[in-house]
């Protein structure tokens, strides 16, 4: 496994040296992007607190009633 890493690294360096400086910079930017992407600590989700906002919202008694056809047909205002 270590031998394969060395081979990959050597091949990468060889190919990188053949690129013009602007493309080398693009490769560097991409490598830094990958390093940042995969080195981020996983987000720890906080436990939800049940009833934290109890009484803060309400739902209309007719919430589940069918909507009138006028709404779907674009006729008039409700």
PDB file of N, CA and C in Angstrom:
ATOM      1  N   UNK A   1       0.827  -1.196   0.000  1.00  0.00           N
ATOM      2  CA  UNK A   1       0.000   0.000   0.000  1.00  0.00           C
ATOM      3  C   UNK A   1       0.866   1.252   0.000  1.00  0.00           C
ATOM      4  N   UNK A   2       1.904   1.303   0.840  1.00  0.00           N
ATOM      5  CA  UNK A   2       2.779   2.469   0.912  1.00  0.00           C
ATOM      6  C   UNK A   2       3.501   2.683  -0.407  1.00  0.00           C
ATOM      7  N   UNK A   3       3.833   1.596  -1.083  1.00  0.00           N
ATOM      8  CA  UNK A   3       4.509   1.683  -2.371  1.00  0.00           C
ATOM      9  C   UNK A   3       3.606   2.351  -3.406  1.00  0.00           C
ATOM     10  N   UNK A   4       2.321   2.034  -3.364  1.00  0.00           N
ATOM     11  CA  UNK A   4       1.366   2.623  -4.295  1.00  0.00           C
ATOM     12  C   UNK A   4       1.226   4.123  -4.043  1.00  0.00           C
ATOM     13  N   UNK A   5       1.249   4.532  -2.778  1.00  0.00           N
ATOM     14  CA  UNK A   5       1.156   5.949  -2.425  1.00  0.00           C
ATOM     15  C   UNK A   5       2.360   6.696  -2.967  1.00  0.00           C
ATOM     16  N   UNK A   6       3.542   6.115  -2.818  1.00  0.00           N
ATOM     17  CA  UNK A   6       4.769   6.737  -3.326  1.00  0.00           C
ATOM     18  C   UNK A   6       4.692   6.865  -4.838  1.00  0.00           C
ATOM     19  N   UNK A   7       4.230   5.806  -5.522  1.00  0.00           N
ATOM     20  CA  UNK A   7       4.100   5.848  -6.975  1.00  0.00           C
ATOM     21  C   UNK A   7       3.129   6.938  -7.408  1.00  0.00           C
ATOM     22  N   UNK A   8       2.003   7.038  -6.715  1.00  0.00           N
ATOM     23  CA  UNK A   8       1.007   8.055  -7.045  1.00  0.00           C
ATOM     24  C   UNK A   8       1.564   9.448  -6.806  1.00  0.00           C
ATOM     25  N   UNK A   9       2.239   9.634  -5.695  1.00  0.00           N
ATOM     26  CA  UNK A   9       2.824  10.933  -5.376  1.00  0.00           C
ATOM     27  C   UNK A   9       3.873  11.321  -6.407  1.00  0.00           C
ATOM     28  N   UNK A  10       4.731  10.390  -6.763  1.00  0.00           N
ATOM     29  CA  UNK A  10       5.770  10.663  -7.767  1.00  0.00           C
ATOM     30  C   UNK A  10       5.149  11.020  -9.110  1.00  0.00           C
ATOM     31  N   UNK A  11       4.137  10.281  -9.502  1.00  0.00           N
ATOM     32  CA  UNK A  11       3.474  10.544 -10.779  1.00  0.00           C
ATOM     33  C   UNK A  11       2.791  11.909 -10.761  1.00  0.00           C
ATOM     34  N   UNK A  12       2.174  12.223  -9.640  1.00  0.00           N
ATOM     35  CA  UNK A  12       1.520  13.522  -9.502  1.00  0.00           C
ATOM     36  C   UNK A  12       2.529  14.660  -9.632  1.00  0.00           C
ATOM     37  N   UNK A  13       3.638  14.539  -8.942  1.00  0.00           N
ATOM     38  CA  UNK A  13       4.675  15.576  -8.985  1.00  0.00           C
ATOM     39  C   UNK A  13       5.227  15.719 -10.395  1.00  0.00           C
ATOM     40  N   UNK A  14       5.482  14.607 -11.060  1.00  0.00           N
ATOM     41  CA  UNK A  14       6.011  14.637 -12.426  1.00  0.00           C
ATOM     42  C   UNK A  14       5.051  15.359 -13.363  1.00  0.00           C
ATOM     43  N   UNK A  15       3.783  15.013 -13.287  1.00  0.00           N
ATOM     44  CA  UNK A  15       2.794  15.647 -14.162  1.00  0.00           C
ATOM     45  C   UNK A  15       2.582  17.107 -13.799  1.00  0.00           C
ATOM     46  N   UNK A  16       2.624  17.413 -12.522  1.00  0.00           N
ATOM     47  CA  UNK A  16       2.444  18.787 -12.068  1.00  0.00           C
ATOM     48  C   UNK A  16       3.555  19.690 -12.589  1.00  0.00           C
ATOM     49  N   UNK A  17       4.767  19.175 -12.618  1.00  0.00           N
ATOM     50  CA  UNK A  17       5.913  19.965 -13.083  1.00  0.00           C
ATOM     51  C   UNK A  17       5.827  20.299 -14.570  1.00  0.00           C
ATOM     52  N   UNK A  18       5.046  19.545 -15.329  1.00  0.00           N
ATOM     53  CA  UNK A  18       4.919  19.822 -16.763  1.00  0.00           C
ATOM     54  C   UNK A  18       3.874  20.897 -17.049  1.00  0.00           C
ATOM     55  N   UNK A  19       3.077  21.243 -16.059  1.00  0.00           N
ATOM     56  CA  UNK A  19       2.017  22.236 -16.255  1.00  0.00           C
ATOM     57  C   UNK A  19       2.559  23.654 -16.141  1.00  0.00           C
ATOM     58  N   UNK A  20       1.939  24.598 -16.849  1.00  0.00           N
ATOM     59  CA  UNK A  20       2.310  26.003 -16.675  1.00  0.00           C
ATOM     60  C   UNK A  20       1.896  26.483 -15.276  1.00  0.00           C
ATOM     61  N   UNK A  21       2.534  27.552 -14.791  1.00  0.00           N
ATOM     62  CA  UNK A  21       2.272  28.030 -13.424  1.00  0.00           C
ATOM     63  C   UNK A  21       0.792  28.283 -13.115  1.00  0.00           C
ATOM     64  N   UNK A  22       0.050  28.796 -14.080  1.00  0.00           N
ATOM     65  CA  UNK A  22      -1.364  29.084 -13.831  1.00  0.00           C
ATOM     66  C   UNK A  22      -2.139  27.791 -13.552  1.00  0.00           C
ATOM     67  N   UNK A  23      -1.854  26.750 -14.295  1.00  0.00           N
ATOM     68  CA  UNK A  23      -2.528  25.472 -14.062  1.00  0.00           C
ATOM     69  C   UNK A  23      -2.028  24.810 -12.780  1.00  0.00           C
ATOM     70  N   UNK A  24      -0.775  25.015 -12.440  1.00  0.00           N
ATOM     71  CA  UNK A  24      -0.265  24.499 -11.168  1.00  0.00           C
ATOM     72  C   UNK A  24      -1.029  25.142 -10.005  1.00  0.00           C
ATOM     73  N   UNK A  25      -1.320  26.433 -10.146  1.00  0.00           N
ATOM     74  CA  UNK A  25      -2.076  27.137  -9.110  1.00  0.00           C
ATOM     75  C   UNK A  25      -3.486  26.565  -8.998  1.00  0.00           C
ATOM     76  N   UNK A  26      -4.084  26.225 -10.135  1.00  0.00           N
ATOM     77  CA  UNK A  26      -5.421  25.624 -10.115  1.00  0.00           C
ATOM     78  C   UNK A  26      -5.399  24.267  -9.400  1.00  0.00           C
ATOM     79  N   UNK A  27      -4.361  23.496  -9.654  1.00  0.00           N
ATOM     80  CA  UNK A  27      -4.222  22.197  -8.985  1.00  0.00           C
ATOM     81  C   UNK A  27      -4.071  22.411  -7.477  1.00  0.00           C
ATOM     82  N   UNK A  28      -3.256  23.371  -7.096  1.00  0.00           N
ATOM     83  CA  UNK A  28      -3.064  23.676  -5.678  1.00  0.00           C
ATOM     84  C   UNK A  28      -4.380  24.101  -5.033  1.00  0.00           C
ATOM     85  N   UNK A  29      -5.120  24.968  -5.719  1.00  0.00           N
ATOM     86  CA  UNK A  29      -6.417  25.400  -5.193  1.00  0.00           C
ATOM     87  C   UNK A  29      -7.346  24.207  -4.981  1.00  0.00           C
ATOM     88  N   UNK A  30      -7.353  23.286  -5.940  1.00  0.00           N
ATOM     89  CA  UNK A  30      -8.224  22.115  -5.840  1.00  0.00           C
ATOM     90  C   UNK A  30      -7.792  21.201  -4.692  1.00  0.00           C
ATOM     91  N   UNK A  31      -6.502  21.012  -4.544  1.00  0.00           N
ATOM     92  CA  UNK A  31      -5.990  20.173  -3.452  1.00  0.00           C
ATOM     93  C   UNK A  31      -6.363  20.789  -2.099  1.00  0.00           C
ATOM     94  N   UNK A  32      -6.243  22.107  -1.983  1.00  0.00           N
ATOM     95  CA  UNK A  32      -6.619  22.778  -0.737  1.00  0.00           C
ATOM     96  C   UNK A  32      -8.118  22.650  -0.478  1.00  0.00           C
ATOM     97  N   UNK A  33      -8.912  22.740  -1.545  1.00  0.00           N
ATOM     98  CA  UNK A  33     -10.358  22.551  -1.417  1.00  0.00           C
ATOM     99  C   UNK A  33     -10.673  21.156  -0.880  1.00  0.00           C
ATOM    100  N   UNK A  34     -10.038  20.139  -1.466  1.00  0.00           N
ATOM    101  CA  UNK A  34     -10.273  18.761  -1.023  1.00  0.00           C
ATOM    102  C   UNK A  34      -9.849  18.567   0.430  1.00  0.00           C
ATOM    103  N   UNK A  35      -8.704  19.134   0.788  1.00  0.00           N
ATOM    104  CA  UNK A  35      -8.220  18.996   2.165  1.00  0.00           C
ATOM    105  C   UNK A  35      -9.208  19.622   3.143  1.00  0.00           C
ATOM    106  N   UNK A  36      -9.719  20.780   2.795  1.00  0.00           N
ATOM    107  CA  UNK A  36     -10.680  21.456   3.669  1.00  0.00           C
ATOM    108  C   UNK A  36     -11.992  20.674   3.733  1.00  0.00           C
ATOM    109  N   UNK A  37     -12.443  20.174   2.611  1.00  0.00           N
ATOM    110  CA  UNK A  37     -13.719  19.448   2.554  1.00  0.00           C
ATOM    111  C   UNK A  37     -13.698  18.193   3.421  1.00  0.00           C
ATOM    112  N   UNK A  38     -12.619  17.442   3.366  1.00  0.00           N
ATOM    113  CA  UNK A  38     -12.573  16.163   4.068  1.00  0.00           C
ATOM    114  C   UNK A  38     -11.989  16.251   5.473  1.00  0.00           C
ATOM    115  N   UNK A  39     -11.484  17.411   5.871  1.00  0.00           N
ATOM    116  CA  UNK A  39     -10.932  17.562   7.215  1.00  0.00           C
ATOM    117  C   UNK A  39     -11.886  18.264   8.168  1.00  0.00           C
ATOM    118  N   UNK A  40     -13.087  18.586   7.702  1.00  0.00           N
ATOM    119  CA  UNK A  40     -14.041  19.256   8.574  1.00  0.00           C
ATOM    120  C   UNK A  40     -14.579  18.274   9.608  1.00  0.00           C
ATOM    121  N   UNK A  41     -14.694  18.765  10.822  1.00  0.00           N
ATOM    122  CA  UNK A  41     -15.251  17.939  11.893  1.00  0.00           C
ATOM    123  C   UNK A  41     -16.743  17.752  11.637  1.00  0.00           C
ATOM    124  N   UNK A  42     -17.252  16.584  11.902  1.00  0.00           N
ATOM    125  CA  UNK A  42     -18.684  16.368  11.688  1.00  0.00           C
ATOM    126  C   UNK A  42     -19.515  17.249  12.616  1.00  0.00           C
ATOM    127  N   UNK A  43     -20.612  17.747  12.078  1.00  0.00           N
ATOM    128  CA  UNK A  43     -21.480  18.617  12.859  1.00  0.00           C
ATOM    129  C   UNK A  43     -22.209  17.792  13.915  1.00  0.00           C
ATOM    130  N   UNK A  44     -22.123  18.253  15.144  1.00  0.00           N
ATOM    131  CA  UNK A  44     -22.796  17.559  16.238  1.00  0.00           C
ATOM    132  C   UNK A  44     -24.186  18.170  16.389  1.00  0.00           C
ATOM    133  N   UNK A  45     -25.189  17.345  16.169  1.00  0.00           N
ATOM    134  CA  UNK A  45     -26.557  17.837  16.250  1.00  0.00           C
ATOM    135  C   UNK A  45     -26.992  17.901  17.706  1.00  0.00           C
ATOM    136  N   UNK A  46     -27.593  19.040  18.049  1.00  0.00           N
ATOM    137  CA  UNK A  46     -28.094  19.202  19.405  1.00  0.00           C
ATOM    138  C   UNK A  46     -29.414  18.456  19.545  1.00  0.00           C
ATOM    139  N   UNK A  47     -29.642  17.941  20.716  1.00  0.00           N
ATOM    140  CA  UNK A  47     -30.877  17.236  20.987  1.00  0.00           C
ATOM    141  C   UNK A  47     -32.025  18.245  21.036  1.00  0.00           C
ATOM    142  N   UNK A  48     -33.141  17.885  20.410  1.00  0.00           N
ATOM    143  CA  UNK A  48     -34.308  18.761  20.423  1.00  0.00           C
ATOM    144  C   UNK A  48     -34.982  18.715  21.796  1.00  0.00           C
ATOM    145  N   UNK A  49     -35.535  19.864  22.177  1.00  0.00           N
ATOM    146  CA  UNK A  49     -36.235  19.957  23.451  1.00  0.00           C
ATOM    147  C   UNK A  49     -37.733  19.986  23.162  1.00  0.00           C
ATOM    148  N   UNK A  50     -38.424  18.960  23.598  1.00  0.00           N
ATOM    149  CA  UNK A  50     -39.852  18.859  23.344  1.00  0.00           C
ATOM    150  C   UNK A  50     -40.615  19.916  24.137  1.00  0.00           C
ATOM    151  N   UNK A  51     -41.558  20.589  23.465  1.00  0.00           N
ATOM    152  CA  UNK A  51     -42.400  21.579  24.128  1.00  0.00           C
ATOM    153  C   UNK A  51     -41.735  22.923  24.332  1.00  0.00           C
ATOM    154  N   UNK A  52     -40.605  23.151  23.709  1.00  0.00           N
ATOM    155  CA  UNK A  52     -39.856  24.394  23.906  1.00  0.00           C
ATOM    156  C   UNK A  52     -40.656  25.618  23.471  1.00  0.00           C
ATOM    157  N   UNK A  53     -41.430  25.498  22.404  1.00  0.00           N
ATOM    158  CA  UNK A  53     -42.197  26.636  21.884  1.00  0.00           C
ATOM    159  C   UNK A  53     -43.703  26.407  22.018  1.00  0.00           C
ATOM    160  N   UNK A  54     -44.081  25.679  23.029  1.00  0.00           N
ATOM    161  CA  UNK A  54     -45.489  25.360  23.246  1.00  0.00           C
ATOM    162  C   UNK A  54     -46.300  26.652  23.389  1.00  0.00           C
ATOM    163  N   UNK A  55     -47.412  26.711  22.637  1.00  0.00           N
ATOM    164  CA  UNK A  55     -48.289  27.878  22.705  1.00  0.00           C
ATOM    165  C   UNK A  55     -47.832  29.046  21.845  1.00  0.00           C
ATOM    166  N   UNK A  56     -46.738  28.918  21.115  1.00  0.00           N
ATOM    167  CA  UNK A  56     -46.206  30.016  20.298  1.00  0.00           C
ATOM    168  C   UNK A  56     -46.861  30.082  18.917  1.00  0.00           C
ATOM    169  N   UNK A  57     -47.458  28.978  18.465  1.00  0.00           N
ATOM    170  CA  UNK A  57     -48.121  28.977  17.164  1.00  0.00           C
ATOM    171  C   UNK A  57     -49.526  28.423  17.329  1.00  0.00           C
ATOM    172  N   UNK A  58     -50.346  28.656  16.330  1.00  0.00           N
ATOM    173  CA  UNK A  58     -51.689  28.089  16.335  1.00  0.00           C
ATOM    174  C   UNK A  58     -52.033  27.672  14.918  1.00  0.00           C
ATOM    175  N   UNK A  59     -52.999  26.798  14.806  1.00  0.00           N
ATOM    176  CA  UNK A  59     -53.439  26.333  13.501  1.00  0.00           C
ATOM    177  C   UNK A  59     -54.944  26.558  13.410  1.00  0.00           C
ATOM    178  N   UNK A  60     -55.370  27.107  12.303  1.00  0.00           N
ATOM    179  CA  UNK A  60     -56.781  27.382  12.078  1.00  0.00           C
ATOM    180  C   UNK A  60     -57.600  26.095  12.156  1.00  0.00           C
ATOM    181  N   UNK A  61     -58.822  26.222  12.654  1.00  0.00           N
ATOM    182  CA  UNK A  61     -59.699  25.052  12.767  1.00  0.00           C
ATOM    183  C   UNK A  61     -60.020  24.440  11.406  1.00  0.00           C
ATOM    184  N   UNK A  62     -59.995  25.269  10.345  1.00  0.00           N
ATOM    185  CA  UNK A  62     -60.320  24.763   9.006  1.00  0.00           C
ATOM    186  C   UNK A  62     -59.063  24.418   8.191  1.00  0.00           C
ATOM    187  N   UNK A  63     -57.961  24.206   8.853  1.00  0.00           N
ATOM    188  CA  UNK A  63     -56.691  23.945   8.164  1.00  0.00           C
ATOM    189  C   UNK A  63     -56.782  22.775   7.187  1.00  0.00           C
ATOM    190  N   UNK A  64     -57.433  21.710   7.574  1.00  0.00           N
ATOM    191  CA  UNK A  64     -57.514  20.507   6.736  1.00  0.00           C
ATOM    192  C   UNK A  64     -58.702  20.495   5.779  1.00  0.00           C
ATOM    193  N   UNK A  65     -59.509  21.548   5.794  1.00  0.00           N
ATOM    194  CA  UNK A  65     -60.655  21.611   4.878  1.00  0.00           C
ATOM    195  C   UNK A  65     -60.164  21.773   3.445  1.00  0.00           C
ATOM    196  N   UNK A  66     -60.926  21.260   2.475  1.00  0.00           N
ATOM    197  CA  UNK A  66     -60.524  21.413   1.066  1.00  0.00           C
ATOM    198  C   UNK A  66     -60.493  22.886   0.667  1.00  0.00           C
ATOM    199  N   UNK A  67     -59.568  23.224  -0.198  1.00  0.00           N
ATOM    200  CA  UNK A  67     -59.479  24.593  -0.696  1.00  0.00           C
ATOM    201  C   UNK A  67     -60.508  24.787  -1.803  1.00  0.00           C
ATOM    202  N   UNK A  68     -61.048  26.005  -1.935  1.00  0.00           N
ATOM    203  CA  UNK A  68     -62.067  26.248  -2.952  1.00  0.00           C
ATOM    204  C   UNK A  68     -61.485  26.183  -4.367  1.00  0.00           C
ATOM    205  N   UNK A  69     -62.340  25.834  -5.326  1.00  0.00           N
ATOM    206  CA  UNK A  69     -61.908  25.757  -6.727  1.00  0.00           C
ATOM    207  C   UNK A  69     -61.377  27.092  -7.226  1.00  0.00           C
ATOM    208  N   UNK A  70     -61.907  28.198  -6.704  1.00  0.00           N
ATOM    209  CA  UNK A  70     -61.462  29.526  -7.138  1.00  0.00           C
ATOM    210  C   UNK A  70     -59.952  29.703  -6.934  1.00  0.00           C
ATOM    211  N   UNK A  71     -59.442  29.105  -5.901  1.00  0.00           N
ATOM    212  CA  UNK A  71     -58.002  29.208  -5.634  1.00  0.00           C
ATOM    213  C   UNK A  71     -57.206  28.558  -6.758  1.00  0.00           C
ATOM    214  N   UNK A  72     -57.614  27.368  -7.171  1.00  0.00           N
ATOM    215  CA  UNK A  72     -56.888  26.616  -8.187  1.00  0.00           C
ATOM    216  C   UNK A  72     -57.113  27.177  -9.586  1.00  0.00           C
ATOM    217  N   UNK A  73     -58.272  27.808  -9.809  1.00  0.00           N
ATOM    218  CA  UNK A  73     -58.598  28.346 -11.128  1.00  0.00           C
ATOM    219  C   UNK A  73     -58.071  29.768 -11.304  1.00  0.00           C
ATOM    220  N   UNK A  74     -57.589  30.365 -10.225  1.00  0.00           N
ATOM    221  CA  UNK A  74     -57.067  31.729 -10.303  1.00  0.00           C
ATOM    222  C   UNK A  74     -58.169  32.765 -10.432  1.00  0.00           C
ATOM    223  N   UNK A  75     -59.344  32.454  -9.929  1.00  0.00           N
ATOM    224  CA  UNK A  75     -60.484  33.369 -10.021  1.00  0.00           C
ATOM    225  C   UNK A  75     -60.728  34.006  -8.660  1.00  0.00           C
ATOM    226  N   UNK A  76     -60.667  35.313  -8.635  1.00  0.00           N
ATOM    227  CA  UNK A  76     -61.027  36.032  -7.429  1.00  0.00           C
ATOM    228  C   UNK A  76     -60.037  35.859  -6.293  1.00  0.00           C
ATOM    229  N   UNK A  77     -60.342  36.560  -5.228  1.00  0.00           N
ATOM    230  CA  UNK A  77     -59.512  36.526  -4.030  1.00  0.00           C
ATOM    231  C   UNK A  77     -60.279  35.792  -2.948  1.00  0.00           C
ATOM    232  N   UNK A  78     -59.599  35.043  -2.162  1.00  0.00           N
ATOM    233  CA  UNK A  78     -60.255  34.289  -1.085  1.00  0.00           C
ATOM    234  C   UNK A  78     -60.702  35.200   0.019  1.00  0.00           C
TER     235      UNK A  78
END
